[in-house]
Amino acid sequence: MNATWFSDGPIRYNPEIGLPEYHIMSLEHDYCNGVFHYTITHNSSRLGDFSCLLGMVNLKRAIGYHLVQVCDFVVICR
């Protein structure tokens, strides 16, 4: 199998769907093709040439949610 990114917008998402606690700051993609060990049995492994796609999503947490969780924890623990 040969894995390939779409040339136009390789990482796609619906901006209508999300988590209110986080904001997407950036989306990055890359290839991580290479030779990797894979296990055949408990005691043996082999090398193989594999296709690999790497997708990275950089999120920023909304400070309000962090403060609410910390304050709730302090109040509960008293």
C-alpha atoms as a PDB file:
ATOM      1  CA  MET A   1       0.000   0.000   0.000  1.00  0.00           C
ATOM      2  CA  ASN A   2       1.288   3.467  -0.841  1.00  0.00           C
ATOM      3  CA  ALA A   3      -0.178   6.216   1.341  1.00  0.00           C
ATOM      4  CA  THR A   4      -0.296   9.689  -0.229  1.00  0.00           C
ATOM      5  CA  TRP A   5      -1.615  13.044   1.003  1.00  0.00           C
ATOM      6  CA  PHE A   6      -4.222  14.889  -1.066  1.00  0.00           C
ATOM      7  CA  SER A   7      -2.469  17.706  -2.936  1.00  0.00           C
ATOM      8  CA  ASP A   8      -5.162  20.265  -2.020  1.00  0.00           C
ATOM      9  CA  GLY A   9      -5.950  20.469   1.694  1.00  0.00           C
ATOM     10  CA  PRO A  10      -4.424  17.215   2.925  1.00  0.00           C
ATOM     11  CA  ILE A  11      -5.915  17.625   6.416  1.00  0.00           C
ATOM     12  CA  ARG A  12      -9.599  18.422   6.299  1.00  0.00           C
ATOM     13  CA  TYR A  13     -12.003  19.089   9.135  1.00  0.00           C
ATOM     14  CA  ASN A  14     -15.437  20.585   9.673  1.00  0.00           C
ATOM     15  CA  PRO A  15     -15.069  23.930  11.514  1.00  0.00           C
ATOM     16  CA  GLU A  16     -18.675  23.533  12.747  1.00  0.00           C
ATOM     17  CA  ILE A  17     -17.550  20.595  14.905  1.00  0.00           C
ATOM     18  CA  GLY A  18     -15.141  21.208  17.747  1.00  0.00           C
ATOM     19  CA  LEU A  19     -14.437  21.289  21.439  1.00  0.00           C
ATOM     20  CA  PRO A  20     -15.191  24.591  23.169  1.00  0.00           C
ATOM     21  CA  GLU A  21     -12.178  24.085  25.443  1.00  0.00           C
ATOM     22  CA  TYR A  22      -9.666  24.040  22.568  1.00  0.00           C
ATOM     23  CA  HIS A  23      -8.922  26.097  19.468  1.00  0.00           C
ATOM     24  CA  ILE A  24      -7.039  24.712  16.457  1.00  0.00           C
ATOM     25  CA  MET A  25      -3.922  26.835  16.008  1.00  0.00           C
ATOM     26  CA  SER A  26      -2.325  24.983  13.094  1.00  0.00           C
ATOM     27  CA  LEU A  27      -2.508  21.832  11.010  1.00  0.00           C
ATOM     28  CA  GLU A  28       0.669  20.291   9.620  1.00  0.00           C
ATOM     29  CA  HIS A  29       1.348  17.209   7.558  1.00  0.00           C
ATOM     30  CA  ASP A  30       4.391  15.264   6.471  1.00  0.00           C
ATOM     31  CA  TYR A  31       5.574  11.874   5.295  1.00  0.00           C
ATOM     32  CA  CYS A  32       7.336   9.491   7.659  1.00  0.00           C
ATOM     33  CA  ASN A  33       8.065   6.693   5.165  1.00  0.00           C
ATOM     34  CA  GLY A  34      10.881   4.410   6.114  1.00  0.00           C
ATOM     35  CA  VAL A  35      12.171   1.037   7.125  1.00  0.00           C
ATOM     36  CA  PHE A  36      10.626  -0.208  10.367  1.00  0.00           C
ATOM     37  CA  HIS A  37      10.807  -3.343  12.529  1.00  0.00           C
ATOM     38  CA  TYR A  38       7.599  -5.331  12.751  1.00  0.00           C
ATOM     39  CA  THR A  39       6.898  -8.367  14.917  1.00  0.00           C
ATOM     40  CA  ILE A  40       6.237 -11.788  13.424  1.00  0.00           C
ATOM     41  CA  THR A  41       6.163 -13.774  16.673  1.00  0.00           C
ATOM     42  CA  HIS A  42       6.957 -13.070  20.311  1.00  0.00           C
ATOM     43  CA  ASN A  43      10.661 -13.739  19.711  1.00  0.00           C
ATOM     44  CA  SER A  44      11.267 -12.489  16.180  1.00  0.00           C
ATOM     45  CA  SER A  45      10.902  -9.391  14.067  1.00  0.00           C
ATOM     46  CA  ARG A  46      11.642  -8.349  10.513  1.00  0.00           C
ATOM     47  CA  LEU A  47      12.401  -5.147   8.678  1.00  0.00           C
ATOM     48  CA  GLY A  48       9.955  -3.728   6.174  1.00  0.00           C
ATOM     49  CA  ASP A  49       9.651  -0.648   3.980  1.00  0.00           C
ATOM     50  CA  PHE A  50       6.400   1.132   4.878  1.00  0.00           C
ATOM     51  CA  SER A  51       4.458   4.179   3.754  1.00  0.00           C
ATOM     52  CA  CYS A  52       3.625   6.540   6.595  1.00  0.00           C
ATOM     53  CA  LEU A  53       1.602   9.749   6.875  1.00  0.00           C
ATOM     54  CA  LEU A  54       2.056  12.111   9.815  1.00  0.00           C
ATOM     55  CA  GLY A  55      -0.681  14.579  10.762  1.00  0.00           C
ATOM     56  CA  MET A  56      -0.138  17.131  13.527  1.00  0.00           C
ATOM     57  CA  VAL A  57      -2.855  19.266  15.120  1.00  0.00           C
ATOM     58  CA  ASN A  58      -1.656  22.113  17.342  1.00  0.00           C
ATOM     59  CA  LEU A  59      -4.335  23.021  19.911  1.00  0.00           C
ATOM     60  CA  LYS A  60      -4.554  25.940  22.312  1.00  0.00           C
ATOM     61  CA  ARG A  61      -6.560  25.513  25.488  1.00  0.00           C
ATOM     62  CA  ALA A  62      -8.968  28.279  26.448  1.00  0.00           C
ATOM     63  CA  ILE A  63      -7.729  29.750  29.753  1.00  0.00           C
ATOM     64  CA  GLY A  64     -11.251  29.999  31.171  1.00  0.00           C
ATOM     65  CA  TYR A  65     -11.679  26.221  31.213  1.00  0.00           C
ATOM     66  CA  HIS A  66      -8.322  25.767  32.940  1.00  0.00           C
ATOM     67  CA  LEU A  67      -9.198  28.280  35.671  1.00  0.00           C
ATOM     68  CA  VAL A  68     -12.600  26.696  36.291  1.00  0.00           C
ATOM     69  CA  GLN A  69     -11.046  23.232  36.683  1.00  0.00           C
ATOM     70  CA  VAL A  70      -8.326  24.485  39.048  1.00  0.00           C
ATOM     71  CA  CYS A  71     -10.765  26.522  41.158  1.00  0.00           C
ATOM     72  CA  ASP A  72     -13.248  23.622  41.351  1.00  0.00           C
ATOM     73  CA  PHE A  73     -10.449  21.295  42.489  1.00  0.00           C
ATOM     74  CA  VAL A  74      -9.351  23.727  45.224  1.00  0.00           C
ATOM     75  CA  VAL A  75     -12.939  24.173  46.476  1.00  0.00           C
ATOM     76  CA  ILE A  76     -13.627  20.417  46.492  1.00  0.00           C
ATOM     77  CA  CYS A  77     -10.394  19.598  48.341  1.00  0.00           C
ATOM     78  CA  ARG A  78     -11.049  22.017  51.196  1.00  0.00           C
END
